Amino acid sequence: MRGEVVGINSQIYSRTGGFMGLSFAIPIDVAMEVQGQLRQFGRVSRGRIGVVIQEVSKELAESFGLQKPAGALVNAVEKGGPAEKAGVEAGDIITKFDGKPVSSSNELPRIVGGSKPGSKASVEVWRKGATREITVTVGELPEDRVASRSERRESRPRWLRIGLGSPSSTSPRSRSAT
């Protein structure tokens, strides 16, 4: 209602090939974080802990002794990954990551991905009817899975080449996010 950008379309599913259909968008805060990393470092760095997760249904919550369905159930832990080194186990339910509550499994990848690789994060897990606190050192998503700078150089600034401003903009601060 205030004319603020809240997301950027990344894909559109359309039966007709037109612009009408189902759109998938990247939240603007995620897009701005990526843009900032590209400007500062020339690459995007995303955190990871090495777990496979699933949603906690009402039935699963009851079977684990949780009062309500919340968190992310750990199905598997990557051998030698950050979570295994910290002591996270399959069957744990991650309820908080770095002080941020995880109300659904959809939130955990976004929270972990936004963490700085190499940083230490407190992970609250529900295990065998009790809450435990584990400290994990966040790993980095491998380079081939994130956007990175190509070695080819071009005269225009990087932020213009990737569409984060108009060609008439003279500085990153004067650009218009559309």
Protein backbone atom coordinates (compact mmCIF):
# COMPACT_ATOMS: atom_id res chain seq x y z
CA MET A 1 0.00 0.00 0.00
CA ARG A 2 2.98 2.32 0.57
CA GLY A 3 4.61 1.41 -2.74
CA GLU A 4 7.52 -0.45 -1.10
CA VAL A 5 9.20 -3.40 -2.79
CA VAL A 6 8.60 -6.58 -0.77
CA GLY A 7 9.91 -9.18 -3.19
CA ILE A 8 11.40 -9.85 -6.60
CA ASN A 9 9.83 -12.36 -8.98
CA SER A 10 12.20 -15.22 -9.69
CA GLN A 11 9.89 -17.54 -11.63
CA ILE A 12 6.40 -17.47 -13.11
CA TYR A 13 4.41 -20.62 -13.81
CA SER A 14 1.90 -20.01 -16.56
CA ARG A 15 -0.26 -22.42 -18.55
CA THR A 16 -0.48 -19.96 -21.42
CA GLY A 17 3.08 -18.65 -21.51
CA GLY A 18 1.84 -15.17 -20.61
CA PHE A 19 2.41 -13.20 -17.44
CA MET A 20 -0.67 -14.54 -15.70
CA GLY A 21 -0.15 -17.49 -13.40
CA LEU A 22 1.62 -18.42 -10.23
CA SER A 23 4.69 -16.35 -9.30
CA PHE A 24 7.55 -17.30 -7.01
CA ALA A 25 9.39 -14.42 -5.40
CA ILE A 26 12.52 -13.78 -3.38
CA PRO A 27 11.86 -11.62 -0.28
CA ILE A 28 13.43 -8.19 -0.67
CA ASP A 29 15.52 -8.55 2.50
CA VAL A 30 17.15 -11.69 1.02
CA ALA A 31 17.71 -9.96 -2.33
CA MET A 32 19.29 -6.93 -0.62
CA GLU A 33 21.59 -9.18 1.45
CA VAL A 34 22.73 -10.95 -1.73
CA GLN A 35 23.25 -7.61 -3.45
CA GLY A 36 25.32 -6.33 -0.53
CA GLN A 37 27.54 -9.44 -0.52
CA LEU A 38 28.07 -9.22 -4.28
CA ARG A 39 29.13 -5.58 -3.99
CA GLN A 40 31.40 -6.12 -1.02
CA PHE A 41 32.96 -9.52 -1.77
CA GLY A 42 32.06 -10.29 -5.40
CA ARG A 43 30.39 -13.53 -4.33
CA VAL A 44 27.56 -14.80 -2.15
CA SER A 45 28.32 -16.79 0.98
CA ARG A 46 25.55 -18.85 2.61
CA GLY A 47 25.67 -20.76 5.88
CA ARG A 48 24.89 -24.47 6.27
CA ILE A 49 24.92 -27.04 9.05
CA GLY A 50 24.44 -30.30 7.14
CA VAL A 51 21.04 -31.66 8.15
CA VAL A 52 18.04 -33.07 6.27
CA ILE A 53 14.82 -31.85 7.88
CA GLN A 54 11.06 -32.27 7.70
CA GLU A 55 8.00 -30.52 9.06
CA VAL A 56 6.74 -31.43 12.55
CA SER A 57 3.09 -32.45 12.14
CA LYS A 58 0.57 -32.55 15.00
CA GLU A 59 0.95 -36.32 15.20
CA LEU A 60 4.77 -36.13 15.28
CA ALA A 61 4.66 -33.41 17.94
CA GLU A 62 2.47 -35.62 20.13
CA SER A 63 4.72 -38.65 19.63
CA PHE A 64 7.80 -36.60 20.64
CA GLY A 65 6.04 -35.09 23.65
CA LEU A 66 5.87 -31.55 22.31
CA GLN A 67 2.93 -29.37 23.31
CA LYS A 68 2.44 -28.05 19.77
CA PRO A 69 3.78 -28.76 16.27
CA ALA A 70 6.80 -26.47 15.84
CA GLY A 71 10.43 -26.69 14.82
CA ALA A 72 12.26 -28.77 12.23
CA LEU A 73 12.65 -32.53 12.68
CA VAL A 74 16.15 -33.73 11.78
CA ASN A 75 15.83 -36.79 9.50
CA ALA A 76 19.54 -37.19 8.79
CA VAL A 77 22.83 -35.59 9.72
CA GLU A 78 25.65 -35.27 7.18
CA LYS A 79 28.71 -37.32 8.16
CA GLY A 80 31.52 -34.98 9.17
CA GLY A 81 29.28 -31.92 8.77
CA PRO A 82 28.94 -29.05 11.24
CA ALA A 83 25.79 -30.47 12.89
CA GLU A 84 27.36 -33.91 13.46
CA LYS A 85 30.52 -32.33 14.92
CA ALA A 86 28.35 -30.33 17.32
CA GLY A 87 26.33 -33.36 18.42
CA VAL A 88 23.03 -32.91 16.57
CA GLU A 89 21.35 -36.29 16.03
CA ALA A 90 18.67 -37.68 13.73
CA GLY A 91 15.40 -37.44 15.63
CA ASP A 92 16.24 -34.08 17.22
CA ILE A 93 13.76 -31.28 16.70
CA ILE A 94 15.44 -27.90 16.19
CA THR A 95 13.28 -25.32 17.96
CA LYS A 96 15.69 -22.34 17.96
CA PHE A 97 18.72 -21.38 15.89
CA ASP A 98 21.00 -18.58 17.06
CA GLY A 99 18.27 -17.28 19.36
CA LYS A 100 15.63 -17.21 16.61
CA PRO A 101 12.59 -19.45 17.09
CA VAL A 102 11.97 -22.06 14.39
CA SER A 103 8.20 -22.36 14.22
CA SER A 104 8.23 -24.44 11.02
CA SER A 105 10.81 -26.40 9.03
CA ASN A 106 10.54 -23.84 6.21
CA GLU A 107 12.19 -21.20 8.40
CA LEU A 108 15.35 -23.12 9.31
CA PRO A 109 17.10 -23.05 5.88
CA ARG A 110 16.52 -19.29 5.62
CA ILE A 111 17.86 -18.64 9.13
CA VAL A 112 20.90 -20.91 8.71
CA GLY A 113 21.60 -19.62 5.18
CA GLY A 114 21.68 -16.06 6.51
CA SER A 115 24.26 -16.99 9.15
CA LYS A 116 27.89 -16.12 8.55
CA PRO A 117 30.03 -19.18 7.77
CA GLY A 118 32.55 -19.79 10.54
CA SER A 119 30.36 -18.18 13.19
CA LYS A 120 29.19 -20.10 16.24
CA ALA A 121 25.44 -20.48 16.70
CA SER A 122 23.41 -21.76 19.60
CA VAL A 123 20.96 -24.48 18.55
CA GLU A 124 18.10 -25.45 20.85
CA VAL A 125 16.89 -28.99 20.21
CA TRP A 126 14.14 -31.14 21.67
CA ARG A 127 15.57 -34.60 22.34
CA LYS A 128 13.94 -37.44 24.29
CA GLY A 129 11.45 -35.17 26.05
CA ALA A 130 13.87 -32.43 27.06
CA THR A 131 15.37 -29.25 25.65
CA ARG A 132 19.13 -29.21 25.03
CA GLU A 133 21.45 -26.42 23.95
CA ILE A 134 24.13 -27.24 21.37
CA THR A 135 26.73 -24.91 19.87
CA VAL A 136 27.43 -25.44 16.18
CA THR A 137 30.05 -23.79 13.99
CA VAL A 138 28.23 -22.78 10.81
CA GLY A 139 29.75 -24.18 7.62
CA GLU A 140 29.65 -22.64 4.16
CA LEU A 141 27.47 -23.77 1.29
CA PRO A 142 29.88 -25.03 -1.41
CA GLU A 143 30.85 -22.50 -4.11
CA ASP A 144 29.18 -24.44 -6.93
CA ARG A 145 25.81 -24.06 -5.18
CA VAL A 146 25.83 -20.25 -4.82
CA ALA A 147 26.20 -17.29 -7.16
CA SER A 148 29.76 -16.09 -7.64
CA ARG A 149 31.69 -13.52 -9.65
CA SER A 150 32.93 -14.55 -13.07
CA GLU A 151 36.51 -13.73 -13.93
CA ARG A 152 35.46 -11.76 -17.00
CA ARG A 153 35.75 -8.01 -16.43
CA GLU A 154 33.46 -5.44 -17.92
CA SER A 155 33.60 -1.65 -17.80
CA ARG A 156 30.20 -1.24 -16.13
CA PRO A 157 30.05 -1.77 -12.35
CA ARG A 158 28.93 -5.24 -11.27
CA TRP A 159 25.74 -3.93 -9.65
CA LEU A 160 24.64 -2.52 -13.01
CA ARG A 161 25.52 -5.69 -14.95
CA ILE A 162 23.30 -7.81 -12.72
CA GLY A 163 20.34 -5.42 -12.90
CA LEU A 164 20.55 -3.67 -9.53
CA GLY A 165 20.23 -0.19 -10.99
CA SER A 166 19.51 1.71 -14.13
CA PRO A 167 22.26 2.59 -16.61
CA SER A 168 21.60 6.27 -15.85
CA SER A 169 22.53 5.73 -12.18
CA THR A 170 25.98 6.99 -11.32
CA SER A 171 26.40 5.41 -7.92
CA PRO A 172 24.96 2.44 -6.05
CA ARG A 173 23.30 4.80 -3.58
CA SER A 174 21.28 6.61 -6.25
CA ARG A 175 19.81 3.47 -7.78
CA SER A 176 16.11 2.71 -7.73
CA ALA A 177 14.97 -0.76 -6.66
CA THR A 178 12.15 -1.80 -8.95
